[in-house]
Protein backbone atom coordinates (compact mmCIF):
# COMPACT_ATOMS: atom_id res chain seq x y z
CA MET A 1 97.20 29.28 165.23
CA ILE A 2 98.75 27.38 168.14
CA TYR A 3 97.53 23.85 168.85
CA PRO A 4 96.85 21.49 170.52
CA ASN A 5 95.92 23.19 173.75
CA PRO A 6 96.26 21.55 176.22
CA ALA A 7 99.34 19.76 174.93
CA ASN A 8 101.64 17.03 176.19
CA GLN A 9 104.49 16.37 173.72
CA PHE A 10 104.49 19.05 171.02
CA ILE A 11 102.75 22.26 170.05
CA ASN A 12 102.28 23.43 166.50
CA VAL A 13 102.52 27.07 165.49
CA GLU A 14 100.79 27.39 162.14
CA LEU A 15 100.97 30.59 160.10
CA SER A 16 98.54 31.74 157.42
CA GLN A 17 101.45 32.64 155.15
CA LEU A 18 105.18 32.08 154.93
CA GLU A 19 107.12 34.63 156.98
CA GLU A 20 110.13 34.80 159.26
CA ILE A 21 109.14 34.60 162.94
CA ARG A 22 110.61 34.07 166.40
CA ILE A 23 108.84 31.74 168.82
CA ASN A 24 109.48 32.17 172.55
CA ILE A 25 108.16 29.86 175.25
CA ILE A 26 107.99 31.49 178.70
CA ASP A 27 107.10 29.79 181.99
CA ALA A 28 104.87 31.17 184.77
CA THR A 29 107.85 32.83 186.49
CA GLY A 30 108.79 34.74 183.33
CA LYS A 31 111.79 32.55 182.49
CA LEU A 32 112.51 32.17 178.78
CA LEU A 33 112.66 28.42 178.07
CA ILE A 34 112.85 28.36 174.27
CA SER A 35 113.68 31.01 171.70
CA LYS A 36 113.57 29.68 168.17
CA GLY A 37 113.75 31.43 164.82
CA CYS A 38 111.48 29.87 162.21
CA ASN A 39 110.81 30.40 158.55
CA SER A 40 108.00 28.04 157.58
CA VAL A 41 104.20 27.88 157.67
CA MET A 42 104.12 24.89 160.08
CA ASN A 43 106.44 24.95 163.11
CA GLU A 44 106.56 22.15 165.69
CA ILE A 45 107.95 22.85 169.18
CA ASP A 46 108.89 20.03 171.55
CA ILE A 47 107.54 20.67 175.05
CA SER A 48 107.82 17.08 176.32
CA GLU A 49 110.60 17.99 178.80
CA PHE A 50 108.57 20.77 180.45
CA PRO A 51 106.77 20.11 183.75
CA LYS A 52 102.97 20.35 183.83
CA GLY A 53 101.75 23.93 183.97
CA ILE A 54 100.80 27.08 182.09
CA TYR A 55 103.18 28.61 179.54
CA LEU A 56 103.13 31.65 177.29
CA VAL A 57 103.88 31.24 173.60
CA GLN A 58 105.08 34.49 172.07
CA VAL A 59 105.21 34.72 168.28
CA THR A 60 107.01 37.78 166.90
CA SER A 61 107.09 38.78 163.24
CA LYS A 62 107.53 41.96 161.25
CA LYS A 63 103.75 42.39 161.53
CA GLY A 64 103.76 42.39 165.32
CA ASN A 65 103.67 40.29 168.46
CA THR A 66 101.13 37.63 169.53
CA ILE A 67 101.02 35.94 172.94
CA ARG A 68 98.90 32.88 173.75
CA LYS A 69 98.63 30.72 176.87
CA ILE A 70 99.04 26.97 176.60
CA MET A 71 98.65 24.27 179.19
CA LYS A 72 101.09 21.36 179.43
CA TYR A 73 99.59 18.22 181.00
């Protein structure tokens, strides 16, 4: 689960169980802005420096790949 959406300062990536993941934040042009390895159920990502717009949050684990859109206001 990724929340809040829309977001201003931080987004939270919450997992249903503990597993090793990689979180990528990608802008509308396809540029990779953040790539962060995480190993906890609750992961907070600071997006306060990003300009307003739409971003993709890609969460990759051994189970697969999930992509969600978020809006920064």
